[in-house]
Protein backbone atom coordinates (compact mmCIF):
# COMPACT_ATOMS: atom_id res chain seq x y z
CA MET A 1 22.76 3.10 -13.19
CA GLY A 2 23.00 0.48 -10.44
CA TYR A 3 21.65 1.42 -7.02
CA ARG A 4 22.76 -0.15 -3.75
CA TYR A 5 19.49 0.04 -1.86
CA LEU A 6 16.77 -0.01 -4.52
CA ASP A 7 16.28 -3.79 -4.43
CA LEU A 8 16.03 -3.73 -0.62
CA ILE A 9 13.41 -0.97 -0.60
CA SER A 10 11.45 -2.56 -3.45
CA SER A 11 11.34 -5.97 -1.77
CA ALA A 12 10.32 -4.35 1.53
CA PHE A 13 7.52 -2.52 -0.27
CA VAL A 14 6.15 -5.77 -1.74
CA ALA A 15 6.61 -7.63 1.57
CA VAL A 16 4.61 -4.98 3.46
CA LEU A 17 1.84 -5.26 0.89
CA LEU A 18 1.59 -9.06 1.19
CA ILE A 19 1.89 -9.11 4.99
CA SER A 20 -0.82 -6.48 5.36
CA ASN A 21 -3.07 -8.49 3.04
CA VAL A 22 -3.04 -11.39 5.54
CA ALA A 23 -3.03 -9.23 8.66
CA ALA A 24 -6.12 -7.36 7.43
CA LEU A 25 -8.19 -10.53 7.94
CA LYS A 26 -8.08 -9.92 11.70
CA VAL A 27 -10.42 -7.17 12.94
CA PHE A 28 -9.82 -5.78 16.43
CA VAL A 29 -11.03 -2.96 18.64
CA LEU A 30 -9.17 -0.30 20.58
CA GLY A 31 -11.68 1.50 22.76
CA PRO A 32 -14.46 2.74 20.47
CA LEU A 33 -12.38 2.35 17.30
CA VAL A 34 -12.41 -0.64 14.97
CA PHE A 35 -9.32 -1.55 12.91
CA ASP A 36 -8.11 -4.43 10.84
CA GLY A 37 -4.65 -5.93 11.31
CA GLY A 38 -3.41 -4.44 8.06
CA ALA A 39 -3.46 -1.04 9.73
CA LEU A 40 -0.43 -2.12 11.78
CA ILE A 41 1.84 -2.26 8.74
CA PHE A 42 0.13 -1.11 5.53
CA PRO A 43 0.83 2.63 6.09
CA LEU A 44 4.52 1.78 5.65
CA SER A 45 3.83 1.08 1.98
CA TYR A 46 3.13 4.78 1.46
CA ILE A 47 6.34 5.71 3.24
CA PHE A 48 8.28 3.36 0.98
CA GLY A 49 6.39 4.84 -1.97
CA ASP A 50 7.45 8.34 -0.92
CA ILE A 51 11.07 7.25 -0.63
CA LEU A 52 11.05 5.52 -4.03
CA THR A 53 9.54 8.52 -5.80
CA GLU A 54 11.61 11.17 -4.04
CA VAL A 55 14.97 9.47 -4.53
CA TYR A 56 14.61 7.33 -7.66
CA GLY A 57 11.74 9.01 -9.48
CA TYR A 58 8.20 8.26 -10.58
CA SER A 59 9.16 5.77 -13.29
CA VAL A 60 10.95 3.56 -10.74
CA SER A 61 8.08 3.89 -8.30
CA ARG A 62 5.64 2.97 -11.09
CA ARG A 63 7.59 -0.21 -11.83
CA VAL A 64 7.64 -1.23 -8.15
CA ILE A 65 3.89 -0.57 -7.79
CA TRP A 66 3.25 -2.89 -10.74
CA HIS A 67 5.48 -5.53 -9.14
CA GLY A 68 3.49 -5.21 -5.94
CA LEU A 69 0.17 -5.53 -7.75
CA PHE A 70 1.41 -8.58 -9.67
CA TRP A 71 2.46 -10.45 -6.51
CA LEU A 72 -0.69 -9.40 -4.68
CA VAL A 73 -2.80 -10.94 -7.46
CA ILE A 74 -0.64 -14.08 -7.45
CA PHE A 75 -0.94 -14.36 -3.66
CA ASN A 76 -4.74 -14.10 -3.79
CA LEU A 77 -4.98 -16.64 -6.62
CA VAL A 78 -2.74 -19.16 -4.85
CA MET A 79 -4.68 -18.82 -1.58
CA THR A 80 -7.97 -19.24 -3.44
CA LEU A 81 -6.63 -22.39 -5.11
CA CYS A 82 -5.34 -23.80 -1.81
CA VAL A 83 -8.74 -23.24 -0.17
CA ALA A 84 -10.49 -24.97 -3.07
CA LEU A 85 -8.27 -28.08 -3.14
CA PRO A 86 -9.62 -31.18 -1.31
CA ALA A 87 -8.29 -31.61 2.23
CA GLU A 88 -6.19 -34.61 3.26
CA PRO A 89 -8.14 -36.52 5.98
CA SER A 90 -5.58 -36.32 8.83
CA TRP A 91 -4.95 -32.63 8.12
CA GLN A 92 -8.68 -32.03 8.11
CA GLN A 93 -9.00 -33.75 11.49
CA ASN A 94 -6.15 -31.85 13.18
CA ILE A 95 -6.50 -28.44 11.56
CA GLY A 96 -9.65 -28.32 9.51
CA GLN A 97 -10.71 -26.80 6.23
CA GLN A 98 -12.98 -24.28 7.90
CA ALA A 99 -10.17 -22.89 10.08
CA TYR A 100 -7.86 -22.60 7.09
CA GLN A 101 -10.50 -20.95 4.95
CA SER A 102 -11.52 -18.49 7.67
CA VAL A 103 -7.93 -17.21 7.89
CA LEU A 104 -6.68 -17.37 4.31
CA GLY A 105 -9.84 -17.41 2.24
CA ILE A 106 -10.69 -14.15 0.50
CA SER A 107 -13.75 -13.27 -1.50
CA PRO A 108 -13.38 -11.97 -5.07
CA ARG A 109 -14.98 -8.73 -3.96
CA LEU A 110 -12.42 -8.12 -1.22
CA ALA A 111 -9.58 -9.04 -3.54
CA LEU A 112 -10.81 -6.60 -6.18
CA ALA A 113 -11.22 -3.88 -3.56
CA GLY A 114 -7.66 -4.41 -2.36
CA TRP A 115 -6.22 -4.34 -5.88
CA LEU A 116 -8.08 -1.18 -6.87
CA GLY A 117 -7.34 0.67 -3.64
CA PHE A 118 -3.65 -0.17 -3.66
CA PHE A 119 -3.11 0.49 -7.37
CA TRP A 120 -4.80 3.88 -7.67
CA GLY A 121 -3.89 5.07 -4.18
CA GLU A 122 -0.18 4.39 -4.67
CA PHE A 123 -0.14 5.98 -8.12
CA CYS A 124 -1.93 9.05 -6.79
CA ASN A 125 0.63 9.31 -3.98
CA SER A 126 3.61 9.01 -6.34
CA PHE A 127 2.16 11.37 -8.94
CA VAL A 128 1.39 14.13 -6.42
CA LEU A 129 4.79 13.83 -4.76
CA ALA A 130 6.68 13.91 -8.07
CA ARG A 131 4.73 16.90 -9.41
CA LEU A 132 5.09 18.84 -6.16
CA LYS A 133 8.83 18.19 -6.15
CA VAL A 134 9.17 19.85 -9.55
CA ARG A 135 6.89 22.73 -8.60
CA THR A 136 8.74 23.42 -5.34
CA GLN A 137 12.20 22.77 -6.84
CA GLY A 138 12.79 20.01 -4.31
CA ARG A 139 11.96 22.04 -1.22
CA TYR A 140 9.45 21.35 1.60
CA LEU A 141 9.89 17.58 1.56
CA ALA A 142 7.89 17.03 4.75
CA LEU A 143 4.96 19.01 3.38
CA ARG A 144 5.14 17.15 0.07
CA THR A 145 5.18 13.67 1.62
CA ILE A 146 2.28 14.47 3.91
CA THR A 147 0.26 16.09 1.12
CA SER A 148 0.78 13.16 -1.23
CA THR A 149 -0.23 10.71 1.49
CA VAL A 150 -3.33 12.72 2.36
CA LEU A 151 -4.52 12.45 -1.24
CA GLY A 152 -3.24 8.93 -1.93
CA GLN A 153 -4.73 7.43 1.21
CA LEU A 154 -8.03 9.16 0.50
CA VAL A 155 -8.19 7.37 -2.86
CA ASP A 156 -6.92 4.08 -1.43
CA THR A 157 -9.12 3.93 1.67
CA GLY A 158 -12.20 5.28 -0.09
CA LEU A 159 -11.96 2.86 -3.01
CA PHE A 160 -11.25 -0.17 -0.84
CA CYS A 161 -14.00 0.44 1.68
CA VAL A 162 -16.67 1.35 -0.88
CA VAL A 163 -15.92 -1.54 -3.24
CA ALA A 164 -15.59 -4.04 -0.37
CA PHE A 165 -18.43 -3.01 1.93
CA ALA A 166 -20.98 -0.81 0.13
CA GLY A 167 -24.36 -2.45 0.62
CA LEU A 168 -23.02 -4.65 3.44
CA LEU A 169 -22.49 -1.93 6.05
CA SER A 170 -24.92 0.84 6.85
CA PRO A 171 -23.97 4.26 5.44
CA ALA A 172 -23.10 5.47 8.95
CA ALA A 173 -20.92 2.43 9.71
CA LEU A 174 -19.20 2.64 6.32
CA SER A 175 -18.46 6.34 6.79
CA ASN A 176 -17.05 5.67 10.26
CA TYR A 177 -14.85 2.85 8.94
CA ILE A 178 -13.50 5.00 6.10
CA LEU A 179 -12.84 8.03 8.31
CA THR A 180 -11.19 6.05 11.12
CA GLY A 181 -8.88 4.15 8.75
CA TYR A 182 -8.04 7.22 6.73
CA LEU A 183 -7.16 9.45 9.68
CA TYR A 184 -5.08 6.70 11.27
CA LYS A 185 -3.02 6.12 8.10
CA VAL A 186 -2.39 9.83 7.63
CA ALA A 187 -1.40 10.14 11.29
CA VAL A 188 1.19 7.37 10.85
CA GLU A 189 2.69 9.29 7.92
CA VAL A 190 2.92 12.46 10.00
CA ILE A 191 4.47 10.67 12.99
CA MET A 192 6.97 8.84 10.78
CA THR A 193 7.96 11.99 8.85
CA PRO A 194 11.31 12.53 10.69
CA ILE A 195 12.34 8.94 9.87
CA THR A 196 11.22 9.36 6.26
CA LEU A 197 13.23 12.55 5.87
CA ALA A 198 16.34 11.01 7.43
CA THR A 199 16.05 7.96 5.19
CA VAL A 200 15.65 10.11 2.08
CA ARG A 201 18.71 12.18 2.98
CA PHE A 202 20.76 9.03 3.61
CA LEU A 203 19.72 7.42 0.33
CA LYS A 204 20.36 10.54 -1.74
CA ARG A 205 23.91 10.67 -0.38
CA GLN A 206 24.58 6.95 -0.77
CA GLU A 207 22.93 6.50 -4.18
CA GLY A 208 23.98 9.83 -5.68
CA ALA A 209 20.38 10.22 -6.86
CA ASP A 210 17.80 12.98 -6.49
CA THR A 211 15.42 12.54 -9.41
CA PHE A 212 13.24 15.36 -10.73
CA ASP A 213 10.45 14.14 -13.01
CA THR A 214 10.52 17.04 -15.45
CA GLN A 215 10.18 14.91 -18.61
CA THR A 216 8.37 11.90 -17.17
CA ASP A 217 5.27 10.37 -18.72
CA PHE A 218 2.96 9.98 -15.71
CA ASN A 219 0.61 7.51 -17.38
CA PRO A 220 0.50 4.56 -14.92
CA PHE A 221 0.28 2.18 -17.89
CA HIS A 222 3.41 3.54 -19.59
CA PHE A 223 6.56 1.57 -18.77
CA GLY A 224 9.27 3.88 -20.07
CA ARG A 225 10.43 7.12 -18.52
């Protein structure tokens, strides 16, 4: 079946992922709290994930998550190659290799942390939402989206922060970073819930779709239904 809005939502999902990957390289403070720039947009990926799973089903969401991971890996590889290539002299004089590298360079450890956090966090979110939908017979959408995000963001934030910063930050600083980022991302999901619900209702009407994953294989590495 052809869907009118699936391509738009899928491309927005991947765009949010790539934008947040660059934005996360800026760390800023708001009062006593420390955030990275990815926090401004990355929580939207979980909202898009909720919409994809609720309307189109887990198998579609799984395919989009794999697309996102593929382009995230490609993005990191291209940026790593660009940093490594020798600089042209006039470019080096006016811009500078160090400035370019400080913005777009990414260590293998941070890249791995981002891949693992995104991959398993998004799959946890989609799995929980799809299973709860079947168990509740499609009721309590707000509760289901928040619950799936609570669990998915716990996996995502925990994996990313531990893989990226364990041994570099003190245990207290690492715990603070994880807790602050996690609570913020969950709060965004809660605040955005009315918009999520309205979007889901609109898409179900327009697409004629309301998928229940009663026979779905939930293996993230299975590419059929």
